[in-house]
């Protein structure tokens, strides 16, 4: 699956089968289902999960909490649009 196929899958009612928890969290984020995405991301206890968690708090507008999670992910909050970051994270999670 590539980024465009992943984006196309957002028109479905359910995420694609056999995707990682990272991509599942990002799929829900792509559908603007913050709660479902956050429930998954908060249970991923590594740097990749922390990056997704940070992104979600950035979406929420909670920059203090977002910065906490970016630090846990060894990243800085980007200065570019949320959609660009979402695509960047999806791409990296597909490569992982």
PDB file of N, CA and C in Angstrom:
ATOM      1  N   UNK A   1       0.849  -1.168   0.000  1.00  0.00           N
ATOM      2  CA  UNK A   1       0.000   0.000   0.000  1.00  0.00           C
ATOM      3  C   UNK A   1       0.898   1.235   0.000  1.00  0.00           C
ATOM      4  N   UNK A   2       0.536   2.202  -0.830  1.00  0.00           N
ATOM      5  CA  UNK A   2       1.268   3.460  -0.850  1.00  0.00           C
ATOM      6  C   UNK A   2       0.388   4.565  -0.257  1.00  0.00           C
ATOM      7  N   UNK A   3       0.930   5.776  -0.211  1.00  0.00           N
ATOM      8  CA  UNK A   3       0.220   6.887   0.421  1.00  0.00           C
ATOM      9  C   UNK A   3      -1.121   7.153  -0.261  1.00  0.00           C
ATOM     10  N   UNK A   4      -1.134   7.148  -1.586  1.00  0.00           N
ATOM     11  CA  UNK A   4      -2.385   7.433  -2.297  1.00  0.00           C
ATOM     12  C   UNK A   4      -3.435   6.364  -2.026  1.00  0.00           C
ATOM     13  N   UNK A   5      -3.032   5.108  -1.987  1.00  0.00           N
ATOM     14  CA  UNK A   5      -3.974   4.025  -1.670  1.00  0.00           C
ATOM     15  C   UNK A   5      -4.491   4.174  -0.234  1.00  0.00           C
ATOM     16  N   UNK A   6      -3.593   4.570   0.656  1.00  0.00           N
ATOM     17  CA  UNK A   6      -3.994   4.780   2.048  1.00  0.00           C
ATOM     18  C   UNK A   6      -5.023   5.904   2.130  1.00  0.00           C
ATOM     19  N   UNK A   7      -4.765   6.994   1.422  1.00  0.00           N
ATOM     20  CA  UNK A   7      -5.705   8.111   1.409  1.00  0.00           C
ATOM     21  C   UNK A   7      -7.055   7.681   0.818  1.00  0.00           C
ATOM     22  N   UNK A   8      -7.020   6.883  -0.229  1.00  0.00           N
ATOM     23  CA  UNK A   8      -8.258   6.392  -0.845  1.00  0.00           C
ATOM     24  C   UNK A   8      -9.050   5.544   0.134  1.00  0.00           C
ATOM     25  N   UNK A   9      -8.349   4.797   0.979  1.00  0.00           N
ATOM     26  CA  UNK A   9      -9.027   3.920   1.941  1.00  0.00           C
ATOM     27  C   UNK A   9      -9.836   4.712   2.967  1.00  0.00           C
ATOM     28  N   UNK A  10      -9.573   6.009   3.078  1.00  0.00           N
ATOM     29  CA  UNK A  10     -10.306   6.831   4.042  1.00  0.00           C
ATOM     30  C   UNK A  10     -11.790   6.952   3.691  1.00  0.00           C
ATOM     31  N   UNK A  11     -12.144   6.614   2.471  1.00  0.00           N
ATOM     32  CA  UNK A  11     -13.561   6.657   2.086  1.00  0.00           C
ATOM     33  C   UNK A  11     -14.316   5.424   2.578  1.00  0.00           C
ATOM     34  N   UNK A  12     -13.607   4.428   3.086  1.00  0.00           N
ATOM     35  CA  UNK A  12     -14.221   3.211   3.627  1.00  0.00           C
ATOM     36  C   UNK A  12     -14.712   3.453   5.046  1.00  0.00           C
ATOM     37  N   UNK A  13     -15.563   2.564   5.512  1.00  0.00           N
ATOM     38  CA  UNK A  13     -16.081   2.655   6.876  1.00  0.00           C
ATOM     39  C   UNK A  13     -15.109   2.076   7.903  1.00  0.00           C
ATOM     40  N   UNK A  14     -14.252   1.166   7.467  1.00  0.00           N
ATOM     41  CA  UNK A  14     -13.292   0.504   8.355  1.00  0.00           C
ATOM     42  C   UNK A  14     -11.890   0.651   7.786  1.00  0.00           C
ATOM     43  N   UNK A  15     -10.889   0.662   8.661  1.00  0.00           N
ATOM     44  CA  UNK A  15      -9.504   0.738   8.161  1.00  0.00           C
ATOM     45  C   UNK A  15      -9.139  -0.526   7.388  1.00  0.00           C
ATOM     46  N   UNK A  16      -8.141  -0.431   6.525  1.00  0.00           N
ATOM     47  CA  UNK A  16      -7.688  -1.623   5.802  1.00  0.00           C
ATOM     48  C   UNK A  16      -7.280  -2.727   6.786  1.00  0.00           C
ATOM     49  N   UNK A  17      -7.470  -3.953   6.363  1.00  0.00           N
ATOM     50  CA  UNK A  17      -7.087  -5.082   7.213  1.00  0.00           C
ATOM     51  C   UNK A  17      -5.571  -5.201   7.269  1.00  0.00           C
ATOM     52  N   UNK A  18      -5.104  -5.737   8.369  1.00  0.00           N
ATOM     53  CA  UNK A  18      -3.697  -6.077   8.563  1.00  0.00           C
ATOM     54  C   UNK A  18      -2.745  -4.885   8.476  1.00  0.00           C
ATOM     55  N   UNK A  19      -3.196  -3.712   8.929  1.00  0.00           N
ATOM     56  CA  UNK A  19      -2.269  -2.590   9.014  1.00  0.00           C
ATOM     57  C   UNK A  19      -1.778  -2.484  10.456  1.00  0.00           C
ATOM     58  N   UNK A  20      -0.658  -1.843  10.621  1.00  0.00           N
ATOM     59  CA  UNK A  20      -0.068  -1.689  11.954  1.00  0.00           C
ATOM     60  C   UNK A  20      -0.927  -0.758  12.807  1.00  0.00           C
ATOM     61  N   UNK A  21      -0.763  -0.831  14.127  1.00  0.00           N
ATOM     62  CA  UNK A  21      -1.467   0.112  14.995  1.00  0.00           C
ATOM     63  C   UNK A  21      -1.117   1.567  14.663  1.00  0.00           C
ATOM     64  N   UNK A  22       0.115   1.823  14.213  1.00  0.00           N
ATOM     65  CA  UNK A  22       0.510   3.176  13.827  1.00  0.00           C
ATOM     66  C   UNK A  22      -0.386   3.674  12.693  1.00  0.00           C
ATOM     67  N   UNK A  23      -0.489   2.851  11.653  1.00  0.00           N
ATOM     68  CA  UNK A  23      -1.299   3.256  10.503  1.00  0.00           C
ATOM     69  C   UNK A  23      -2.780   3.285  10.836  1.00  0.00           C
ATOM     70  N   UNK A  24      -3.214   2.411  11.731  1.00  0.00           N
ATOM     71  CA  UNK A  24      -4.620   2.450  12.134  1.00  0.00           C
ATOM     72  C   UNK A  24      -4.931   3.774  12.852  1.00  0.00           C
ATOM     73  N   UNK A  25      -4.042   4.204  13.737  1.00  0.00           N
ATOM     74  CA  UNK A  25      -4.240   5.489  14.413  1.00  0.00           C
ATOM     75  C   UNK A  25      -4.256   6.626  13.398  1.00  0.00           C
ATOM     76  N   UNK A  26      -3.364   6.568  12.434  1.00  0.00           N
ATOM     77  CA  UNK A  26      -3.304   7.608  11.415  1.00  0.00           C
ATOM     78  C   UNK A  26      -4.508   7.562  10.482  1.00  0.00           C
ATOM     79  N   UNK A  27      -5.037   6.373  10.239  1.00  0.00           N
ATOM     80  CA  UNK A  27      -6.238   6.235   9.413  1.00  0.00           C
ATOM     81  C   UNK A  27      -7.401   6.965  10.076  1.00  0.00           C
ATOM     82  N   UNK A  28      -7.588   6.725  11.368  1.00  0.00           N
ATOM     83  CA  UNK A  28      -8.669   7.427  12.079  1.00  0.00           C
ATOM     84  C   UNK A  28      -8.411   8.930  12.113  1.00  0.00           C
ATOM     85  N   UNK A  29      -7.154   9.327  12.280  1.00  0.00           N
ATOM     86  CA  UNK A  29      -6.829  10.755  12.251  1.00  0.00           C
ATOM     87  C   UNK A  29      -7.173  11.341  10.886  1.00  0.00           C
ATOM     88  N   UNK A  30      -6.903  10.592   9.832  1.00  0.00           N
ATOM     89  CA  UNK A  30      -7.224  11.039   8.481  1.00  0.00           C
ATOM     90  C   UNK A  30      -8.713  11.182   8.239  1.00  0.00           C
ATOM     91  N   UNK A  31      -9.505  10.481   9.023  1.00  0.00           N
ATOM     92  CA  UNK A  31     -10.961  10.585   8.937  1.00  0.00           C
ATOM     93  C   UNK A  31     -11.512  11.602   9.935  1.00  0.00           C
ATOM     94  N   UNK A  32     -10.619  12.350  10.564  1.00  0.00           N
ATOM     95  CA  UNK A  32     -10.998  13.341  11.579  1.00  0.00           C
ATOM     96  C   UNK A  32     -11.708  12.713  12.775  1.00  0.00           C
ATOM     97  N   UNK A  33     -11.345  11.479  13.085  1.00  0.00           N
ATOM     98  CA  UNK A  33     -11.868  10.791  14.271  1.00  0.00           C
ATOM     99  C   UNK A  33     -10.757  10.821  15.323  1.00  0.00           C
ATOM    100  N   UNK A  34     -10.616  11.989  15.960  1.00  0.00           N
ATOM    101  CA  UNK A  34      -9.533  12.216  16.905  1.00  0.00           C
ATOM    102  C   UNK A  34      -9.585  11.219  18.058  1.00  0.00           C
ATOM    103  N   UNK A  35     -10.772  10.984  18.594  1.00  0.00           N
ATOM    104  CA  UNK A  35     -10.910  10.105  19.764  1.00  0.00           C
ATOM    105  C   UNK A  35     -10.405   8.695  19.468  1.00  0.00           C
ATOM    106  N   UNK A  36     -10.854   8.111  18.373  1.00  0.00           N
ATOM    107  CA  UNK A  36     -10.418   6.746  18.036  1.00  0.00           C
ATOM    108  C   UNK A  36      -8.915   6.705  17.800  1.00  0.00           C
ATOM    109  N   UNK A  37      -8.405   7.709  17.095  1.00  0.00           N
ATOM    110  CA  UNK A  37      -6.977   7.774  16.828  1.00  0.00           C
ATOM    111  C   UNK A  37      -6.184   7.882  18.126  1.00  0.00           C
ATOM    112  N   UNK A  38      -6.637   8.736  19.021  1.00  0.00           N
ATOM    113  CA  UNK A  38      -5.938   8.952  20.290  1.00  0.00           C
ATOM    114  C   UNK A  38      -5.967   7.698  21.158  1.00  0.00           C
ATOM    115  N   UNK A  39      -7.083   6.989  21.164  1.00  0.00           N
ATOM    116  CA  UNK A  39      -7.168   5.748  21.951  1.00  0.00           C
ATOM    117  C   UNK A  39      -6.106   4.746  21.523  1.00  0.00           C
ATOM    118  N   UNK A  40      -5.860   4.668  20.230  1.00  0.00           N
ATOM    119  CA  UNK A  40      -4.844   3.744  19.721  1.00  0.00           C
ATOM    120  C   UNK A  40      -3.449   4.281  20.028  1.00  0.00           C
ATOM    121  N   UNK A  41      -3.213   5.554  19.703  1.00  0.00           N
ATOM    122  CA  UNK A  41      -1.874   6.135  19.852  1.00  0.00           C
ATOM    123  C   UNK A  41      -1.389   6.122  21.299  1.00  0.00           C
ATOM    124  N   UNK A  42      -2.291   6.345  22.242  1.00  0.00           N
ATOM    125  CA  UNK A  42      -1.843   6.415  23.636  1.00  0.00           C
ATOM    126  C   UNK A  42      -1.404   5.056  24.175  1.00  0.00           C
ATOM    127  N   UNK A  43      -1.706   3.990  23.446  1.00  0.00           N
ATOM    128  CA  UNK A  43      -1.272   2.656  23.863  1.00  0.00           C
ATOM    129  C   UNK A  43      -0.033   2.177  23.116  1.00  0.00           C
ATOM    130  N   UNK A  44       0.563   3.036  22.302  1.00  0.00           N
ATOM    131  CA  UNK A  44       1.800   2.684  21.590  1.00  0.00           C
ATOM    132  C   UNK A  44       2.942   3.372  22.328  1.00  0.00           C
ATOM    133  N   UNK A  45       3.768   2.594  22.984  1.00  0.00           N
ATOM    134  CA  UNK A  45       4.778   3.134  23.899  1.00  0.00           C
ATOM    135  C   UNK A  45       6.177   3.096  23.291  1.00  0.00           C
ATOM    136  N   UNK A  46       6.323   3.753  22.145  1.00  0.00           N
ATOM    137  CA  UNK A  46       7.647   3.908  21.547  1.00  0.00           C
ATOM    138  C   UNK A  46       7.704   5.282  20.876  1.00  0.00           C
ATOM    139  N   UNK A  47       8.832   5.605  20.265  1.00  0.00           N
ATOM    140  CA  UNK A  47       9.005   6.940  19.689  1.00  0.00           C
ATOM    141  C   UNK A  47       8.055   7.204  18.534  1.00  0.00           C
ATOM    142  N   UNK A  48       7.761   6.168  17.748  1.00  0.00           N
ATOM    143  CA  UNK A  48       6.829   6.364  16.634  1.00  0.00           C
ATOM    144  C   UNK A  48       5.428   6.664  17.158  1.00  0.00           C
ATOM    145  N   UNK A  49       5.024   5.945  18.198  1.00  0.00           N
ATOM    146  CA  UNK A  49       3.729   6.217  18.813  1.00  0.00           C
ATOM    147  C   UNK A  49       3.685   7.594  19.450  1.00  0.00           C
ATOM    148  N   UNK A  50       4.805   8.011  20.026  1.00  0.00           N
ATOM    149  CA  UNK A  50       4.872   9.348  20.626  1.00  0.00           C
ATOM    150  C   UNK A  50       4.745  10.422  19.558  1.00  0.00           C
ATOM    151  N   UNK A  51       5.295  10.179  18.377  1.00  0.00           N
ATOM    152  CA  UNK A  51       5.173  11.148  17.286  1.00  0.00           C
ATOM    153  C   UNK A  51       3.705  11.291  16.862  1.00  0.00           C
ATOM    154  N   UNK A  52       3.024  10.174  16.720  1.00  0.00           N
ATOM    155  CA  UNK A  52       1.606  10.227  16.366  1.00  0.00           C
ATOM    156  C   UNK A  52       0.825  10.940  17.464  1.00  0.00           C
ATOM    157  N   UNK A  53       1.124  10.609  18.709  1.00  0.00           N
ATOM    158  CA  UNK A  53       0.458  11.236  19.855  1.00  0.00           C
ATOM    159  C   UNK A  53       0.692  12.748  19.829  1.00  0.00           C
ATOM    160  N   UNK A  54       1.930  13.162  19.543  1.00  0.00           N
ATOM    161  CA  UNK A  54       2.259  14.585  19.452  1.00  0.00           C
ATOM    162  C   UNK A  54       1.445  15.255  18.360  1.00  0.00           C
ATOM    163  N   UNK A  55       1.407  14.621  17.204  1.00  0.00           N
ATOM    164  CA  UNK A  55       0.636  15.161  16.087  1.00  0.00           C
ATOM    165  C   UNK A  55      -0.831  15.357  16.494  1.00  0.00           C
ATOM    166  N   UNK A  56      -1.394  14.384  17.165  1.00  0.00           N
ATOM    167  CA  UNK A  56      -2.803  14.477  17.561  1.00  0.00           C
ATOM    168  C   UNK A  56      -3.047  15.646  18.511  1.00  0.00           C
ATOM    169  N   UNK A  57      -2.127  15.878  19.428  1.00  0.00           N
ATOM    170  CA  UNK A  57      -2.302  17.021  20.328  1.00  0.00           C
ATOM    171  C   UNK A  57      -2.070  18.340  19.600  1.00  0.00           C
ATOM    172  N   UNK A  58      -1.254  18.308  18.561  1.00  0.00           N
ATOM    173  CA  UNK A  58      -1.107  19.496  17.714  1.00  0.00           C
ATOM    174  C   UNK A  58      -2.430  19.764  16.983  1.00  0.00           C
ATOM    175  N   UNK A  59      -3.060  18.716  16.473  1.00  0.00           N
ATOM    176  CA  UNK A  59      -4.373  18.854  15.825  1.00  0.00           C
ATOM    177  C   UNK A  59      -5.367  19.465  16.798  1.00  0.00           C
ATOM    178  N   UNK A  60      -5.318  18.997  18.018  1.00  0.00           N
ATOM    179  CA  UNK A  60      -6.239  19.449  19.062  1.00  0.00           C
ATOM    180  C   UNK A  60      -5.993  20.911  19.443  1.00  0.00           C
ATOM    181  N   UNK A  61      -4.794  21.404  19.153  1.00  0.00           N
ATOM    182  CA  UNK A  61      -4.451  22.774  19.522  1.00  0.00           C
ATOM    183  C   UNK A  61      -3.786  22.882  20.874  1.00  0.00           C
ATOM    184  N   UNK A  62      -3.439  21.745  21.478  1.00  0.00           N
ATOM    185  CA  UNK A  62      -2.791  21.705  22.793  1.00  0.00           C
ATOM    186  C   UNK A  62      -1.283  21.636  22.581  1.00  0.00           C
ATOM    187  N   UNK A  63      -0.667  22.794  22.319  1.00  0.00           N
ATOM    188  CA  UNK A  63       0.755  22.801  21.991  1.00  0.00           C
ATOM    189  C   UNK A  63       1.646  22.399  23.162  1.00  0.00           C
ATOM    190  N   UNK A  64       1.218  22.677  24.375  1.00  0.00           N
ATOM    191  CA  UNK A  64       2.013  22.266  25.536  1.00  0.00           C
ATOM    192  C   UNK A  64       2.127  20.738  25.569  1.00  0.00           C
ATOM    193  N   UNK A  65       0.996  20.052  25.475  1.00  0.00           N
ATOM    194  CA  UNK A  65       0.987  18.589  25.490  1.00  0.00           C
ATOM    195  C   UNK A  65       1.662  18.040  24.238  1.00  0.00           C
ATOM    196  N   UNK A  66       1.435  18.674  23.091  1.00  0.00           N
ATOM    197  CA  UNK A  66       2.089  18.239  21.858  1.00  0.00           C
ATOM    198  C   UNK A  66       3.605  18.284  22.012  1.00  0.00           C
ATOM    199  N   UNK A  67       4.124  19.383  22.570  1.00  0.00           N
ATOM    200  CA  UNK A  67       5.578  19.492  22.754  1.00  0.00           C
ATOM    201  C   UNK A  67       6.112  18.398  23.666  1.00  0.00           C
ATOM    202  N   UNK A  68       5.367  18.039  24.694  1.00  0.00           N
ATOM    203  CA  UNK A  68       5.777  16.936  25.573  1.00  0.00           C
ATOM    204  C   UNK A  68       5.985  15.666  24.745  1.00  0.00           C
ATOM    205  N   UNK A  69       5.026  15.354  23.879  1.00  0.00           N
ATOM    206  CA  UNK A  69       5.100  14.128  23.077  1.00  0.00           C
ATOM    207  C   UNK A  69       6.139  14.226  21.974  1.00  0.00           C
ATOM    208  N   UNK A  70       6.313  15.406  21.383  1.00  0.00           N
ATOM    209  CA  UNK A  70       7.396  15.563  20.400  1.00  0.00           C
ATOM    210  C   UNK A  70       8.740  15.299  21.072  1.00  0.00           C
ATOM    211  N   UNK A  71       8.913  15.784  22.288  1.00  0.00           N
ATOM    212  CA  UNK A  71      10.164  15.529  23.014  1.00  0.00           C
ATOM    213  C   UNK A  71      10.363  14.038  23.242  1.00  0.00           C
ATOM    214  N   UNK A  72       9.299  13.322  23.606  1.00  0.00           N
ATOM    215  CA  UNK A  72       9.406  11.868  23.817  1.00  0.00           C
ATOM    216  C   UNK A  72       9.753  11.148  22.510  1.00  0.00           C
ATOM    217  N   UNK A  73       9.347  11.753  21.391  1.00  0.00           N
ATOM    218  CA  UNK A  73       9.630  11.165  20.077  1.00  0.00           C
ATOM    219  C   UNK A  73      10.978  11.631  19.520  1.00  0.00           C
ATOM    220  N   UNK A  74      11.708  12.437  20.301  1.00  0.00           N
ATOM    221  CA  UNK A  74      12.973  13.041  19.847  1.00  0.00           C
ATOM    222  C   UNK A  74      12.780  13.862  18.572  1.00  0.00           C
ATOM    223  N   UNK A  75      11.711  14.651  18.562  1.00  0.00           N
ATOM    224  CA  UNK A  75      11.387  15.510  17.415  1.00  0.00           C
ATOM    225  C   UNK A  75      10.997  16.885  17.918  1.00  0.00           C
ATOM    226  N   UNK A  76      10.948  17.815  16.994  1.00  0.00           N
ATOM    227  CA  UNK A  76      10.462  19.159  17.287  1.00  0.00           C
ATOM    228  C   UNK A  76       9.136  19.355  16.565  1.00  0.00           C
ATOM    229  N   UNK A  77       8.276  20.166  17.157  1.00  0.00           N
ATOM    230  CA  UNK A  77       7.012  20.471  16.497  1.00  0.00           C
ATOM    231  C   UNK A  77       7.308  21.191  15.184  1.00  0.00           C
ATOM    232  N   UNK A  78       6.767  20.673  14.087  1.00  0.00           N
ATOM    233  CA  UNK A  78       7.064  21.310  12.800  1.00  0.00           C
ATOM    234  C   UNK A  78       6.319  22.626  12.622  1.00  0.00           C
ATOM    235  N   UNK A  79       6.822  23.424  11.731  1.00  0.00           N
ATOM    236  CA  UNK A  79       6.199  24.698  11.426  1.00  0.00           C
ATOM    237  C   UNK A  79       5.430  24.670  10.128  1.00  0.00           C
ATOM    238  N   UNK A  80       5.104  23.481   9.654  1.00  0.00           N
ATOM    239  CA  UNK A  80       4.358  23.355   8.405  1.00  0.00           C
ATOM    240  C   UNK A  80       2.975  22.779   8.685  1.00  0.00           C
ATOM    241  N   UNK A  81       2.091  22.773   7.670  1.00  0.00           N
ATOM    242  CA  UNK A  81       0.694  22.388   7.886  1.00  0.00           C
ATOM    243  C   UNK A  81       0.510  20.965   8.425  1.00  0.00           C
ATOM    244  N   UNK A  82      -0.580  20.804   9.163  1.00  0.00           N
ATOM    245  CA  UNK A  82      -0.914  19.505   9.755  1.00  0.00           C
ATOM    246  C   UNK A  82      -1.029  18.414   8.693  1.00  0.00           C
ATOM    247  N   UNK A  83      -1.658  18.711   7.564  1.00  0.00           N
ATOM    248  CA  UNK A  83      -1.819  17.700   6.514  1.00  0.00           C
ATOM    249  C   UNK A  83      -0.469  17.213   6.016  1.00  0.00           C
ATOM    250  N   UNK A  84       0.481  18.120   5.897  1.00  0.00           N
ATOM    251  CA  UNK A  84       1.820  17.737   5.461  1.00  0.00           C
ATOM    252  C   UNK A  84       2.472  16.814   6.489  1.00  0.00           C
ATOM    253  N   UNK A  85       2.292  17.131   7.758  1.00  0.00           N
ATOM    254  CA  UNK A  85       2.876  16.258   8.789  1.00  0.00           C
ATOM    255  C   UNK A  85       2.197  14.895   8.775  1.00  0.00           C
ATOM    256  N   UNK A  86       0.870  14.877   8.621  1.00  0.00           N
ATOM    257  CA  UNK A  86       0.151  13.601   8.586  1.00  0.00           C
ATOM    258  C   UNK A  86       0.708  12.730   7.463  1.00  0.00           C
ATOM    259  N   UNK A  87       0.896  13.309   6.286  1.00  0.00           N
ATOM    260  CA  UNK A  87       1.431  12.545   5.155  1.00  0.00           C
ATOM    261  C   UNK A  87       2.854  12.070   5.429  1.00  0.00           C
ATOM    262  N   UNK A  88       3.641  12.907   6.084  1.00  0.00           N
ATOM    263  CA  UNK A  88       5.013  12.530   6.434  1.00  0.00           C
ATOM    264  C   UNK A  88       5.015  11.343   7.398  1.00  0.00           C
ATOM    265  N   UNK A  89       4.162  11.402   8.406  1.00  0.00           N
ATOM    266  CA  UNK A  89       4.119  10.315   9.381  1.00  0.00           C
ATOM    267  C   UNK A  89       3.629   9.036   8.702  1.00  0.00           C
ATOM    268  N   UNK A  90       2.571   9.130   7.904  1.00  0.00           N
ATOM    269  CA  UNK A  90       2.053   7.942   7.202  1.00  0.00           C
ATOM    270  C   UNK A  90       3.171   7.330   6.358  1.00  0.00           C
ATOM    271  N   UNK A  91       3.880   8.156   5.615  1.00  0.00           N
ATOM    272  CA  UNK A  91       4.973   7.653   4.774  1.00  0.00           C
ATOM    273  C   UNK A  91       6.037   6.926   5.585  1.00  0.00           C
ATOM    274  N   UNK A  92       6.415   7.497   6.700  1.00  0.00           N
ATOM    275  CA  UNK A  92       7.441   6.844   7.539  1.00  0.00           C
ATOM    276  C   UNK A  92       6.911   5.554   8.162  1.00  0.00           C
ATOM    277  N   UNK A  93       5.656   5.521   8.544  1.00  0.00           N
ATOM    278  CA  UNK A  93       5.100   4.306   9.144  1.00  0.00           C
ATOM    279  C   UNK A  93       4.932   3.212   8.088  1.00  0.00           C
ATOM    280  N   UNK A  94       4.705   3.585   6.838  1.00  0.00           N
ATOM    281  CA  UNK A  94       4.629   2.596   5.771  1.00  0.00           C
ATOM    282  C   UNK A  94       5.998   2.002   5.481  1.00  0.00           C
ATOM    283  N   UNK A  95       7.042   2.819   5.653  1.00  0.00           N
ATOM    284  CA  UNK A  95       8.411   2.350   5.402  1.00  0.00           C
ATOM    285  C   UNK A  95       8.961   1.514   6.557  1.00  0.00           C
ATOM    286  N   UNK A  96       8.323   1.625   7.729  1.00  0.00           N
ATOM    287  CA  UNK A  96       8.859   0.948   8.927  1.00  0.00           C
ATOM    288  C   UNK A  96       8.588  -0.551   8.896  1.00  0.00           C
TER     289      UNK A  96
END
